[in-house]
Protein backbone atom coordinates (compact mmCIF):
# COMPACT_ATOMS: atom_id res chain seq x y z
CA MET A 1 -29.11 -1.12 59.50
CA LEU A 2 -26.91 -4.22 59.34
CA THR A 3 -29.54 -6.47 60.68
CA LEU A 4 -31.98 -5.24 57.96
CA THR A 5 -29.37 -5.72 55.42
CA LEU A 6 -28.49 -9.26 56.53
CA ARG A 7 -32.35 -10.31 56.70
CA ASN A 8 -32.68 -9.01 53.20
CA LEU A 9 -29.78 -11.08 51.96
CA GLU A 10 -31.41 -14.20 53.81
CA ARG A 11 -34.66 -13.41 52.22
CA ASP A 12 -32.93 -13.35 48.73
CA GLY A 13 -31.51 -16.75 49.34
CA LEU A 14 -27.92 -15.29 49.51
CA VAL A 15 -27.12 -15.64 53.13
CA SER A 16 -28.15 -18.38 55.65
CA ARG A 17 -28.66 -17.64 59.37
CA HIS A 18 -28.23 -19.85 62.25
CA TYR A 19 -29.33 -18.76 65.80
CA TYR A 20 -27.43 -20.38 68.77
CA PRO A 21 -29.88 -20.20 71.90
CA GLU A 22 -26.82 -20.01 74.46
CA PRO A 23 -25.67 -17.58 77.05
CA PRO A 24 -25.00 -15.21 75.45
CA PRO A 25 -27.30 -15.87 72.45
CA ARG A 26 -25.31 -15.64 69.08
CA VAL A 27 -26.10 -15.66 65.52
CA GLU A 28 -24.08 -16.85 62.76
CA HIS A 29 -24.42 -15.89 59.02
CA LYS A 30 -22.82 -17.74 56.08
CA LEU A 31 -22.96 -17.25 52.23
CA THR A 32 -25.31 -19.95 50.60
CA GLU A 33 -24.45 -21.77 47.25
CA GLN A 34 -26.43 -18.92 45.55
CA GLY A 35 -24.45 -16.20 47.40
CA ARG A 36 -21.07 -17.87 46.74
CA SER A 37 -22.00 -17.64 42.94
CA MET A 38 -21.91 -13.86 43.16
CA LEU A 39 -18.19 -13.70 44.40
CA GLU A 40 -16.55 -14.13 41.03
CA PRO A 41 -18.90 -11.42 39.21
CA LEU A 42 -18.50 -9.06 42.15
CA ALA A 43 -14.75 -9.48 41.93
CA GLY A 44 -14.73 -8.48 38.21
CA PHE A 45 -16.97 -5.36 39.21
CA THR A 46 -14.63 -4.55 41.99
CA ARG A 47 -11.58 -4.57 39.58
CA TRP A 48 -13.64 -2.44 37.14
CA ILE A 49 -14.43 0.32 39.87
CA ARG A 50 -10.77 0.25 40.96
CA ASP A 51 -9.40 0.62 37.59
CA THR A 52 -11.99 3.44 36.39
CA TRP A 53 -12.43 5.31 39.80
CA GLN A 54 -10.06 8.13 38.91
CA ASP A 55 -12.07 8.79 35.53
CA ILE A 56 -15.27 8.67 37.45
CA GLU A 57 -14.10 11.14 39.85
CA ALA A 58 -12.82 13.38 36.95
CA SER A 59 -16.23 13.13 35.24
CA ARG A 60 -17.91 13.95 38.65
CA ARG A 61 -15.81 17.13 39.15
CA ALA A 62 -16.39 18.26 35.44
CA TYR A 63 -20.05 17.60 35.73
CA ASP A 64 -20.22 19.62 38.98
CA GLU A 65 -18.05 22.44 37.66
CA ALA A 66 -20.34 22.77 34.68
CA GLU A 67 -23.45 22.88 36.77
CA ASP A 68 -21.78 25.41 39.17
CA ARG A 69 -20.98 27.56 36.18
CA SER A 70 -24.68 27.31 34.95
CA ILE A 71 -26.00 28.50 38.17
CA GLU A 72 -23.80 31.40 38.27
CA ILE A 73 -24.89 32.82 35.07
CA GLY A 74 -28.54 31.86 35.58
CA GLU A 75 -28.88 29.07 33.10
CA ASN A 76 -31.88 26.71 33.73
CA THR A 77 -30.07 23.32 35.06
CA SER A 78 -33.23 21.21 35.25
CA ARG A 79 -32.47 18.11 33.24
CA GLU A 80 -35.29 15.78 31.84
């Protein structure tokens, strides 16, 4: 899975790959300029997740509890 993810990042131009044909062979990956340009937006997104995680978890619990109650009383729970 890691190899597939790295190859997709390379394909997208976010990571560069260098193969060293030495015993034992090794591969080195580095962020490209384009990949580095993601760091600041990702840091902002990470801060947002950290700041809102408890609210997200509370929303999930409330949703799941409402779904469980609907199933218990036999309501149609399909959502369109």
